[in-house]
Amino acid sequence: MQSIILVLVVVILVFICTTSYMSYHRESIRRAKEKKRNQFNDRV
């Protein structure tokens, strides 16, 4: 019984880590694009 609970806890932790990492990664990509666009606009 305890092994089932342990597996559930591990799965939930991995799920939380992946979702937070994905959202952070997406945000950093968007920020990089924004930065590039701003640099381009500054040059023009």
PDB file of N, CA and C in Angstrom:
ATOM      1  N   MET A   1       0.837  -1.205   0.000  1.00  0.00           N
ATOM      2  CA  MET A   1       0.000   0.000   0.000  1.00  0.00           C
ATOM      3  C   MET A   1       0.871   1.255   0.000  1.00  0.00           C
ATOM      4  N   GLN A   2       1.919   1.240   0.816  1.00  0.00           N
ATOM      5  CA  GLN A   2       2.781   2.418   0.884  1.00  0.00           C
ATOM      6  C   GLN A   2       3.515   2.650  -0.429  1.00  0.00           C
ATOM      7  N   SER A   3       3.862   1.576  -1.133  1.00  0.00           N
ATOM      8  CA  SER A   3       4.573   1.733  -2.399  1.00  0.00           C
ATOM      9  C   SER A   3       3.701   2.455  -3.415  1.00  0.00           C
ATOM     10  N   ILE A   4       2.382   2.182  -3.402  1.00  0.00           N
ATOM     11  CA  ILE A   4       1.463   2.860  -4.317  1.00  0.00           C
ATOM     12  C   ILE A   4       1.449   4.364  -4.016  1.00  0.00           C
ATOM     13  N   ILE A   5       1.393   4.711  -2.739  1.00  0.00           N
ATOM     14  CA  ILE A   5       1.389   6.122  -2.335  1.00  0.00           C
ATOM     15  C   ILE A   5       2.702   6.782  -2.759  1.00  0.00           C
ATOM     16  N   LEU A   6       3.802   6.060  -2.586  1.00  0.00           N
ATOM     17  CA  LEU A   6       5.107   6.599  -2.951  1.00  0.00           C
ATOM     18  C   LEU A   6       5.167   6.882  -4.453  1.00  0.00           C
ATOM     19  N   VAL A   7       4.686   5.953  -5.250  1.00  0.00           N
ATOM     20  CA  VAL A   7       4.668   6.131  -6.708  1.00  0.00           C
ATOM     21  C   VAL A   7       3.809   7.332  -7.069  1.00  0.00           C
ATOM     22  N   LEU A   8       2.652   7.471  -6.430  1.00  0.00           N
ATOM     23  CA  LEU A   8       1.768   8.612  -6.709  1.00  0.00           C
ATOM     24  C   LEU A   8       2.467   9.930  -6.387  1.00  0.00           C
ATOM     25  N   VAL A   9       3.126   9.981  -5.257  1.00  0.00           N
ATOM     26  CA  VAL A   9       3.816  11.204  -4.848  1.00  0.00           C
ATOM     27  C   VAL A   9       4.905  11.561  -5.865  1.00  0.00           C
ATOM     28  N   VAL A  10       5.672  10.554  -6.298  1.00  0.00           N
ATOM     29  CA  VAL A  10       6.749  10.794  -7.269  1.00  0.00           C
ATOM     30  C   VAL A  10       6.165  11.305  -8.586  1.00  0.00           C
ATOM     31  N   VAL A  11       5.083  10.687  -9.048  1.00  0.00           N
ATOM     32  CA  VAL A  11       4.451  11.106 -10.304  1.00  0.00           C
ATOM     33  C   VAL A  11       3.963  12.547 -10.202  1.00  0.00           C
ATOM     34  N   ILE A  12       3.339  12.890  -9.094  1.00  0.00           N
ATOM     35  CA  ILE A  12       2.835  14.260  -8.903  1.00  0.00           C
ATOM     36  C   ILE A  12       3.997  15.252  -8.882  1.00  0.00           C
ATOM     37  N   LEU A  13       5.088  14.904  -8.201  1.00  0.00           N
ATOM     38  CA  LEU A  13       6.246  15.793  -8.154  1.00  0.00           C
ATOM     39  C   LEU A  13       6.823  16.008  -9.541  1.00  0.00           C
ATOM     40  N   VAL A  14       6.961  14.933 -10.306  1.00  0.00           N
ATOM     41  CA  VAL A  14       7.507  15.043 -11.661  1.00  0.00           C
ATOM     42  C   VAL A  14       6.589  15.895 -12.523  1.00  0.00           C
ATOM     43  N   PHE A  15       5.274  15.714 -12.382  1.00  0.00           N
ATOM     44  CA  PHE A  15       4.306  16.488 -13.156  1.00  0.00           C
ATOM     45  C   PHE A  15       4.426  17.978 -12.840  1.00  0.00           C
ATOM     46  N   ILE A  16       4.521  18.299 -11.552  1.00  0.00           N
ATOM     47  CA  ILE A  16       4.648  19.700 -11.136  1.00  0.00           C
ATOM     48  C   ILE A  16       5.944  20.298 -11.688  1.00  0.00           C
ATOM     49  N   CYS A  17       7.033  19.545 -11.598  1.00  0.00           N
ATOM     50  CA  CYS A  17       8.320  20.045 -12.084  1.00  0.00           C
ATOM     51  C   CYS A  17       8.276  20.296 -13.581  1.00  0.00           C
ATOM     52  N   THR A  18       7.703  19.362 -14.335  1.00  0.00           N
ATOM     53  CA  THR A  18       7.679  19.527 -15.792  1.00  0.00           C
ATOM     54  C   THR A  18       6.799  20.708 -16.189  1.00  0.00           C
ATOM     55  N   THR A  19       5.646  20.859 -15.572  1.00  0.00           N
ATOM     56  CA  THR A  19       4.753  21.957 -15.950  1.00  0.00           C
ATOM     57  C   THR A  19       5.396  23.302 -15.604  1.00  0.00           C
ATOM     58  N   SER A  20       6.013  23.403 -14.438  1.00  0.00           N
ATOM     59  CA  SER A  20       6.650  24.664 -14.059  1.00  0.00           C
ATOM     60  C   SER A  20       7.829  24.950 -14.981  1.00  0.00           C
ATOM     61  N   TYR A  21       8.591  23.912 -15.354  1.00  0.00           N
ATOM     62  CA  TYR A  21       9.722  24.116 -16.253  1.00  0.00           C
ATOM     63  C   TYR A  21       9.247  24.544 -17.639  1.00  0.00           C
ATOM     64  N   MET A  22       8.177  23.912 -18.126  1.00  0.00           N
ATOM     65  CA  MET A  22       7.672  24.249 -19.453  1.00  0.00           C
ATOM     66  C   MET A  22       7.187  25.699 -19.481  1.00  0.00           C
ATOM     67  N   SER A  23       6.453  26.112 -18.458  1.00  0.00           N
ATOM     68  CA  SER A  23       5.948  27.488 -18.438  1.00  0.00           C
ATOM     69  C   SER A  23       7.118  28.473 -18.336  1.00  0.00           C
ATOM     70  N   TYR A  24       8.128  28.138 -17.548  1.00  0.00           N
ATOM     71  CA  TYR A  24       9.293  29.008 -17.423  1.00  0.00           C
ATOM     72  C   TYR A  24      10.040  29.100 -18.753  1.00  0.00           C
ATOM     73  N   HIS A  25      10.188  27.947 -19.423  1.00  0.00           N
ATOM     74  CA  HIS A  25      10.890  27.892 -20.702  1.00  0.00           C
ATOM     75  C   HIS A  25      10.159  28.728 -21.749  1.00  0.00           C
ATOM     76  N   ARG A  26       8.836  28.586 -21.793  1.00  0.00           N
ATOM     77  CA  ARG A  26       8.037  29.341 -22.759  1.00  0.00           C
ATOM     78  C   ARG A  26       8.175  30.841 -22.489  1.00  0.00           C
ATOM     79  N   GLU A  27       8.149  31.226 -21.226  1.00  0.00           N
ATOM     80  CA  GLU A  27       8.275  32.634 -20.842  1.00  0.00           C
ATOM     81  C   GLU A  27       9.643  33.181 -21.262  1.00  0.00           C
ATOM     82  N   SER A  28      10.702  32.389 -21.074  1.00  0.00           N
ATOM     83  CA  SER A  28      12.037  32.856 -21.439  1.00  0.00           C
ATOM     84  C   SER A  28      12.156  33.006 -22.951  1.00  0.00           C
ATOM     85  N   ILE A  29      11.548  32.104 -23.717  1.00  0.00           N
ATOM     86  CA  ILE A  29      11.573  32.216 -25.183  1.00  0.00           C
ATOM     87  C   ILE A  29      10.854  33.494 -25.608  1.00  0.00           C
ATOM     88  N   ARG A  30       9.697  33.747 -25.009  1.00  0.00           N
ATOM     89  CA  ARG A  30       8.926  34.939 -25.359  1.00  0.00           C
ATOM     90  C   ARG A  30       9.727  36.203 -25.016  1.00  0.00           C
ATOM     91  N   ARG A  31      10.414  36.184 -23.885  1.00  0.00           N
ATOM     92  CA  ARG A  31      11.205  37.331 -23.469  1.00  0.00           C
ATOM     93  C   ARG A  31      12.364  37.554 -24.446  1.00  0.00           C
ATOM     94  N   ALA A  32      12.977  36.469 -24.913  1.00  0.00           N
ATOM     95  CA  ALA A  32      14.085  36.590 -25.865  1.00  0.00           C
ATOM     96  C   ALA A  32      13.587  37.185 -27.175  1.00  0.00           C
ATOM     97  N   LYS A  33      12.437  36.739 -27.643  1.00  0.00           N
ATOM     98  CA  LYS A  33      11.870  37.290 -28.887  1.00  0.00           C
ATOM     99  C   LYS A  33      11.583  38.782 -28.706  1.00  0.00           C
ATOM    100  N   GLU A  34      11.001  39.137 -27.577  1.00  0.00           N
ATOM    101  CA  GLU A  34      10.677  40.536 -27.289  1.00  0.00           C
ATOM    102  C   GLU A  34      11.960  41.380 -27.291  1.00  0.00           C
ATOM    103  N   LYS A  35      13.004  40.833 -26.700  1.00  0.00           N
ATOM    104  CA  LYS A  35      14.273  41.555 -26.622  1.00  0.00           C
ATOM    105  C   LYS A  35      14.841  41.774 -28.022  1.00  0.00           C
ATOM    106  N   LYS A  36      14.809  40.731 -28.849  1.00  0.00           N
ATOM    107  CA  LYS A  36      15.306  40.867 -30.220  1.00  0.00           C
ATOM    108  C   LYS A  36      14.512  41.924 -30.975  1.00  0.00           C
ATOM    109  N   ARG A  37      13.198  41.903 -30.829  1.00  0.00           N
ATOM    110  CA  ARG A  37      12.363  42.864 -31.547  1.00  0.00           C
ATOM    111  C   ARG A  37      12.671  44.288 -31.073  1.00  0.00           C
ATOM    112  N   ASN A  38      12.863  44.451 -29.770  1.00  0.00           N
ATOM    113  CA  ASN A  38      13.172  45.775 -29.242  1.00  0.00           C
ATOM    114  C   ASN A  38      14.523  46.274 -29.762  1.00  0.00           C
ATOM    115  N   GLN A  39      15.509  45.384 -29.842  1.00  0.00           N
ATOM    116  CA  GLN A  39      16.811  45.772 -30.365  1.00  0.00           C
ATOM    117  C   GLN A  39      16.675  46.210 -31.817  1.00  0.00           C
ATOM    118  N   PHE A  40      15.886  45.465 -32.589  1.00  0.00           N
ATOM    119  CA  PHE A  40      15.684  45.796 -33.997  1.00  0.00           C
ATOM    120  C   PHE A  40      15.017  47.164 -34.125  1.00  0.00           C
ATOM    121  N   ASN A  41      14.022  47.414 -33.317  1.00  0.00           N
ATOM    122  CA  ASN A  41      13.309  48.699 -33.370  1.00  0.00           C
ATOM    123  C   ASN A  41      14.230  49.845 -32.956  1.00  0.00           C
ATOM    124  N   ASP A  42      15.123  49.594 -32.008  1.00  0.00           N
ATOM    125  CA  ASP A  42      16.033  50.644 -31.569  1.00  0.00           C
ATOM    126  C   ASP A  42      16.988  51.020 -32.707  1.00  0.00           C
ATOM    127  N   ARG A  43      17.403  50.041 -33.490  1.00  0.00           N
ATOM    128  CA  ARG A  43      18.349  50.293 -34.568  1.00  0.00           C
ATOM    129  C   ARG A  43      17.687  51.095 -35.687  1.00  0.00           C
ATOM    130  N   VAL A  44      16.414  50.813 -35.941  1.00  0.00           N
ATOM    131  CA  VAL A  44      15.737  51.451 -37.072  1.00  0.00           C
ATOM    132  C   VAL A  44      15.460  52.931 -36.771  1.00  0.00           C
TER     133      VAL A  44
END
